[in-house]
């Protein structure tokens, strides 16, 4: 009565990358907390979370040196944001900091995408057909 005629798709392994990113950011936050700069540590963790999420989403580009250059450039551009912004001292709901992480992620993805498009266009012009 309930016979399966199709082969079920094999179950994909669980993606633990989000938990890995979260656990990787904990020591960063604890270092800042130990120094007494919990607010600065919060800003660093939020910005790093956005950039690491972008790296996870474009992990297929990990072998390209320009991709890591883009990541380093976005990290460098985040330094003034982290240092100049007055981050709150108390507890905040995660939803209030989510737009900053999403913005970082989108900036990193956009920069990687634009450089990827430029490199693909220039290499296709150079190669003979």
C-alpha atoms as a PDB file:
ATOM      1  CA  UNK A   1       0.000   0.000   0.000  1.00  0.00           C
ATOM      2  CA  UNK A   2       2.770   2.487   0.909  1.00  0.00           C
ATOM      3  CA  UNK A   3       5.505   1.154  -1.311  1.00  0.00           C
ATOM      4  CA  UNK A   4       8.281   3.489  -2.313  1.00  0.00           C
ATOM      5  CA  UNK A   5       9.067   3.262  -5.984  1.00  0.00           C
ATOM      6  CA  UNK A   6      11.821   5.878  -5.926  1.00  0.00           C
ATOM      7  CA  UNK A   7      15.108   5.623  -4.131  1.00  0.00           C
ATOM      8  CA  UNK A   8      15.189   8.068  -1.246  1.00  0.00           C
ATOM      9  CA  UNK A   9      17.914  10.691  -1.474  1.00  0.00           C
ATOM     10  CA  UNK A  10      20.844  10.000   0.814  1.00  0.00           C
ATOM     11  CA  UNK A  11      20.755  12.196   3.884  1.00  0.00           C
ATOM     12  CA  UNK A  12      23.324  14.988   3.819  1.00  0.00           C
ATOM     13  CA  UNK A  13      25.600  15.341   6.819  1.00  0.00           C
ATOM     14  CA  UNK A  14      24.771  18.071   9.296  1.00  0.00           C
ATOM     15  CA  UNK A  15      26.419  21.418   8.587  1.00  0.00           C
ATOM     16  CA  UNK A  16      28.144  22.490  11.777  1.00  0.00           C
ATOM     17  CA  UNK A  17      29.832  25.576  10.317  1.00  0.00           C
ATOM     18  CA  UNK A  18      27.540  28.012  12.174  1.00  0.00           C
ATOM     19  CA  UNK A  19      28.385  26.413  15.506  1.00  0.00           C
ATOM     20  CA  UNK A  20      32.077  26.392  14.593  1.00  0.00           C
ATOM     21  CA  UNK A  21      31.951  30.122  13.786  1.00  0.00           C
ATOM     22  CA  UNK A  22      30.200  30.789  17.090  1.00  0.00           C
ATOM     23  CA  UNK A  23      32.701  28.774  19.110  1.00  0.00           C
ATOM     24  CA  UNK A  24      35.612  30.406  17.267  1.00  0.00           C
ATOM     25  CA  UNK A  25      34.320  33.844  18.275  1.00  0.00           C
ATOM     26  CA  UNK A  26      33.930  32.993  21.960  1.00  0.00           C
ATOM     27  CA  UNK A  27      37.666  33.248  22.786  1.00  0.00           C
ATOM     28  CA  UNK A  28      37.815  36.610  21.003  1.00  0.00           C
ATOM     29  CA  UNK A  29      34.959  37.934  23.122  1.00  0.00           C
ATOM     30  CA  UNK A  30      36.423  36.493  26.337  1.00  0.00           C
ATOM     31  CA  UNK A  31      39.804  38.118  25.644  1.00  0.00           C
ATOM     32  CA  UNK A  32      38.156  41.515  25.286  1.00  0.00           C
ATOM     33  CA  UNK A  33      36.047  40.842  28.364  1.00  0.00           C
ATOM     34  CA  UNK A  34      39.147  39.940  30.358  1.00  0.00           C
ATOM     35  CA  UNK A  35      40.801  43.203  29.327  1.00  0.00           C
ATOM     36  CA  UNK A  36      37.697  45.128  30.375  1.00  0.00           C
ATOM     37  CA  UNK A  37      36.532  46.118  26.904  1.00  0.00           C
ATOM     38  CA  UNK A  38      33.364  44.043  26.649  1.00  0.00           C
ATOM     39  CA  UNK A  39      31.703  46.626  24.403  1.00  0.00           C
ATOM     40  CA  UNK A  40      34.618  46.593  21.954  1.00  0.00           C
ATOM     41  CA  UNK A  41      34.661  42.793  22.015  1.00  0.00           C
ATOM     42  CA  UNK A  42      30.983  42.753  21.109  1.00  0.00           C
ATOM     43  CA  UNK A  43      31.666  44.944  18.073  1.00  0.00           C
ATOM     44  CA  UNK A  44      34.590  42.798  16.979  1.00  0.00           C
ATOM     45  CA  UNK A  45      32.554  39.605  17.300  1.00  0.00           C
ATOM     46  CA  UNK A  46      29.604  41.013  15.352  1.00  0.00           C
ATOM     47  CA  UNK A  47      31.807  42.207  12.496  1.00  0.00           C
ATOM     48  CA  UNK A  48      33.797  38.966  12.441  1.00  0.00           C
ATOM     49  CA  UNK A  49      30.593  36.957  12.415  1.00  0.00           C
ATOM     50  CA  UNK A  50      29.394  38.731   9.277  1.00  0.00           C
ATOM     51  CA  UNK A  51      32.696  38.281   7.487  1.00  0.00           C
ATOM     52  CA  UNK A  52      33.050  34.624   8.508  1.00  0.00           C
ATOM     53  CA  UNK A  53      29.530  33.964   7.296  1.00  0.00           C
ATOM     54  CA  UNK A  54      30.483  35.440   3.908  1.00  0.00           C
ATOM     55  CA  UNK A  55      33.587  33.232   3.830  1.00  0.00           C
ATOM     56  CA  UNK A  56      31.406  30.213   4.553  1.00  0.00           C
ATOM     57  CA  UNK A  57      28.979  31.143   1.782  1.00  0.00           C
ATOM     58  CA  UNK A  58      31.775  31.574  -0.779  1.00  0.00           C
ATOM     59  CA  UNK A  59      33.987  28.730   0.436  1.00  0.00           C
ATOM     60  CA  UNK A  60      34.331  27.609  -3.184  1.00  0.00           C
ATOM     61  CA  UNK A  61      36.717  30.567  -3.708  1.00  0.00           C
ATOM     62  CA  UNK A  62      39.062  29.553  -0.888  1.00  0.00           C
ATOM     63  CA  UNK A  63      41.832  28.586  -3.316  1.00  0.00           C
ATOM     64  CA  UNK A  64      41.881  32.045  -4.927  1.00  0.00           C
ATOM     65  CA  UNK A  65      44.382  34.445  -3.347  1.00  0.00           C
ATOM     66  CA  UNK A  66      42.313  37.478  -4.346  1.00  0.00           C
ATOM     67  CA  UNK A  67      39.399  36.185  -2.253  1.00  0.00           C
ATOM     68  CA  UNK A  68      41.497  36.264   0.891  1.00  0.00           C
ATOM     69  CA  UNK A  69      42.704  39.714  -0.125  1.00  0.00           C
ATOM     70  CA  UNK A  70      39.079  40.857  -0.243  1.00  0.00           C
ATOM     71  CA  UNK A  71      38.469  39.369   3.208  1.00  0.00           C
ATOM     72  CA  UNK A  72      41.518  41.150   4.639  1.00  0.00           C
ATOM     73  CA  UNK A  73      40.461  44.419   2.960  1.00  0.00           C
ATOM     74  CA  UNK A  74      36.964  44.225   4.459  1.00  0.00           C
ATOM     75  CA  UNK A  75      38.479  43.432   7.860  1.00  0.00           C
ATOM     76  CA  UNK A  76      40.705  46.510   7.536  1.00  0.00           C
ATOM     77  CA  UNK A  77      37.730  48.651   6.548  1.00  0.00           C
ATOM     78  CA  UNK A  78      35.880  47.441   9.638  1.00  0.00           C
ATOM     79  CA  UNK A  79      38.561  48.702  12.020  1.00  0.00           C
ATOM     80  CA  UNK A  80      37.239  52.303  12.084  1.00  0.00           C
ATOM     81  CA  UNK A  81      33.685  51.002  12.532  1.00  0.00           C
ATOM     82  CA  UNK A  82      34.731  48.896  15.495  1.00  0.00           C
ATOM     83  CA  UNK A  83      36.892  51.566  17.157  1.00  0.00           C
ATOM     84  CA  UNK A  84      34.834  54.716  16.514  1.00  0.00           C
ATOM     85  CA  UNK A  85      31.326  53.432  17.195  1.00  0.00           C
ATOM     86  CA  UNK A  86      30.203  53.620  20.810  1.00  0.00           C
ATOM     87  CA  UNK A  87      29.053  50.057  21.434  1.00  0.00           C
ATOM     88  CA  UNK A  88      26.576  49.483  24.282  1.00  0.00           C
ATOM     89  CA  UNK A  89      27.905  48.155  27.578  1.00  0.00           C
ATOM     90  CA  UNK A  90      25.018  45.980  28.676  1.00  0.00           C
ATOM     91  CA  UNK A  91      23.234  42.965  27.326  1.00  0.00           C
ATOM     92  CA  UNK A  92      21.588  43.390  23.933  1.00  0.00           C
ATOM     93  CA  UNK A  93      19.207  41.128  22.077  1.00  0.00           C
ATOM     94  CA  UNK A  94      20.890  39.443  19.144  1.00  0.00           C
ATOM     95  CA  UNK A  95      18.340  40.888  16.745  1.00  0.00           C
ATOM     96  CA  UNK A  96      19.547  44.425  17.403  1.00  0.00           C
ATOM     97  CA  UNK A  97      23.090  43.612  16.217  1.00  0.00           C
ATOM     98  CA  UNK A  98      22.016  41.374  13.361  1.00  0.00           C
ATOM     99  CA  UNK A  99      21.787  44.228  10.797  1.00  0.00           C
ATOM    100  CA  UNK A 100      25.457  45.044  11.349  1.00  0.00           C
ATOM    101  CA  UNK A 101      26.511  41.437  10.781  1.00  0.00           C
ATOM    102  CA  UNK A 102      24.292  41.201   7.687  1.00  0.00           C
ATOM    103  CA  UNK A 103      25.760  44.435   6.317  1.00  0.00           C
ATOM    104  CA  UNK A 104      29.293  43.090   6.819  1.00  0.00           C
ATOM    105  CA  UNK A 105      28.338  39.848   5.129  1.00  0.00           C
ATOM    106  CA  UNK A 106      26.771  41.650   2.165  1.00  0.00           C
ATOM    107  CA  UNK A 107      29.736  44.002   1.746  1.00  0.00           C
ATOM    108  CA  UNK A 108      32.145  41.056   1.723  1.00  0.00           C
ATOM    109  CA  UNK A 109      29.984  39.052  -0.687  1.00  0.00           C
ATOM    110  CA  UNK A 110      29.520  42.073  -2.954  1.00  0.00           C
ATOM    111  CA  UNK A 111      33.233  42.831  -3.066  1.00  0.00           C
ATOM    112  CA  UNK A 112      34.066  39.200  -3.812  1.00  0.00           C
ATOM    113  CA  UNK A 113      31.385  39.024  -6.508  1.00  0.00           C
ATOM    114  CA  UNK A 114      32.492  42.222  -8.242  1.00  0.00           C
ATOM    115  CA  UNK A 115      36.160  41.185  -8.289  1.00  0.00           C
ATOM    116  CA  UNK A 116      35.176  37.704  -9.473  1.00  0.00           C
ATOM    117  CA  UNK A 117      33.161  39.213 -12.349  1.00  0.00           C
ATOM    118  CA  UNK A 118      36.042  41.522 -13.260  1.00  0.00           C
ATOM    119  CA  UNK A 119      38.591  38.700 -13.246  1.00  0.00           C
ATOM    120  CA  UNK A 120      36.366  36.388 -15.280  1.00  0.00           C
ATOM    121  CA  UNK A 121      35.757  39.143 -17.847  1.00  0.00           C
ATOM    122  CA  UNK A 122      39.461  40.032 -18.176  1.00  0.00           C
ATOM    123  CA  UNK A 123      40.622  36.417 -18.377  1.00  0.00           C
ATOM    124  CA  UNK A 124      38.040  35.621 -21.069  1.00  0.00           C
ATOM    125  CA  UNK A 125      39.347  38.570 -23.126  1.00  0.00           C
ATOM    126  CA  UNK A 126      42.928  37.401 -22.785  1.00  0.00           C
ATOM    127  CA  UNK A 127      42.446  33.740 -23.694  1.00  0.00           C
ATOM    128  CA  UNK A 128      42.306  33.085 -27.457  1.00  0.00           C
ATOM    129  CA  UNK A 129      39.281  31.282 -28.818  1.00  0.00           C
END
